[in-house]
Structures are given as C-alpha cells and as structure tokens.
Amino acid sequence: MSILWFGIGEASKIYIIAVGAFFPILLNTVDGIRNIDPQYFELSRVYETEYSKGVARIVLPGALPHIMTGFRVEMFP
C-alpha cells in the first residue's frame, strides 16, 4: 500500500520505517504508564496539582525507562 500511495521513491521507505518503529515505542510507552504506582496519582490528587504538572512530574519520569527501551529496541534490533 505504501508503494501505491508514495511511489517507489524515498517517501515509501521512510513511511515503512516510521510505521515499523511507531508501534513498539507506543506499546512500551503504554506499558510504562500502566506500571506507574497508582499511589502517585492519588498523591497528586491530594495535593491538587494541575494536570500538566502531574504529567510532567509523575507520568513522564515513571514511563521514561519504558519509552527508552522502546527506542533502544527500534534503533538496535
């Protein structure tokens, strides 16, 4: 399908690589977010932190090892 959409040039190759790299990174990110301890979210509700600060201070640091694992798997198969 990508060859039909983009032709035989570089665009189809880049598209195939991007789609192939997207899903493992996405799955590792979702797994990392799910593995964060729910007590951290409860603590942020108790302290009434804003949503953006909660994401920046709880979700991102908690999921970062899984996100980096997804990148590592895609960069060095």
Protein backbone atom coordinates (compact mmCIF):
# COMPACT_ATOMS: atom_id res chain seq x y z
CA MET A 1 0.00 0.00 0.00
CA SER A 2 2.80 2.43 0.76
CA ILE A 3 4.26 1.93 -2.70
CA LEU A 4 0.87 2.72 -4.20
CA TRP A 5 0.50 5.83 -2.03
CA PHE A 6 4.04 7.20 -2.19
CA GLY A 7 5.58 5.55 -5.23
CA ILE A 8 8.93 3.75 -5.38
CA GLY A 9 10.95 6.70 -4.05
CA GLU A 10 12.35 7.50 -0.64
CA ALA A 11 8.99 8.53 0.83
CA SER A 12 7.64 4.99 0.84
CA LYS A 13 10.79 3.68 2.53
CA ILE A 14 10.63 6.35 5.22
CA TYR A 15 6.93 5.62 5.76
CA ILE A 16 7.53 1.89 6.22
CA ILE A 17 10.36 2.53 8.70
CA ALA A 18 8.28 5.06 10.64
CA VAL A 19 5.28 2.75 10.90
CA GLY A 20 7.51 -0.15 11.92
CA ALA A 21 9.14 1.93 14.66
CA PHE A 22 5.95 3.58 15.92
CA PHE A 23 4.11 0.60 17.37
CA PRO A 24 6.84 -0.90 19.61
CA ILE A 25 7.53 2.55 21.04
CA LEU A 26 3.81 3.13 21.57
CA LEU A 27 3.31 -0.24 23.26
CA ASN A 28 6.28 0.29 25.57
CA THR A 29 5.03 3.76 26.47
CA VAL A 30 1.55 2.48 27.33
CA ASP A 31 3.08 -0.33 29.38
CA GLY A 32 5.27 2.16 31.22
CA ILE A 33 2.31 4.37 32.09
CA ARG A 34 0.31 1.38 33.30
CA ASN A 35 3.17 0.27 35.56
CA ILE A 36 3.30 3.56 37.49
CA ASP A 37 2.21 3.07 41.08
CA PRO A 38 -1.40 4.34 41.50
CA GLN A 39 -0.46 5.91 44.82
CA TYR A 40 1.47 8.59 42.93
CA PHE A 41 -1.70 9.61 41.10
CA GLU A 42 -3.62 9.62 44.36
CA LEU A 43 -0.95 11.80 45.93
CA SER A 44 -1.17 14.29 43.07
CA ARG A 45 -4.96 14.45 43.58
CA VAL A 46 -4.48 15.09 47.30
CA TYR A 47 -2.04 17.91 46.60
CA GLU A 48 -4.36 19.22 43.86
CA THR A 49 -1.65 19.52 41.23
CA GLU A 50 -2.52 20.66 37.75
CA TYR A 51 -2.85 18.05 35.02
CA SER A 52 0.19 19.29 33.08
CA LYS A 53 2.37 19.28 36.20
CA GLY A 54 1.16 15.78 37.04
CA VAL A 55 2.14 14.56 33.61
CA ALA A 56 5.50 16.31 33.76
CA ARG A 57 6.37 15.18 37.30
CA ILE A 58 4.71 11.76 37.60
CA VAL A 59 3.89 10.18 34.26
CA LEU A 60 6.92 11.17 32.22
CA PRO A 61 9.59 10.19 34.78
CA GLY A 62 7.72 6.99 35.60
CA ALA A 63 7.33 5.89 31.99
CA LEU A 64 10.68 7.13 30.69
CA PRO A 65 12.58 3.84 31.20
CA HIS A 66 9.96 2.00 29.13
CA ILE A 67 9.97 4.71 26.45
CA MET A 68 13.75 4.49 26.18
CA THR A 69 13.52 0.71 25.97
CA GLY A 70 11.15 1.11 23.01
CA PHE A 71 13.62 3.43 21.32
CA ARG A 72 16.51 1.06 22.01
CA VAL A 73 14.60 -1.91 20.59
CA GLU A 74 13.87 0.03 17.42
CA MET A 75 17.31 1.52 16.97
CA PHE A 76 19.32 -1.64 17.64
CA PRO A 77 17.26 -4.72 16.71
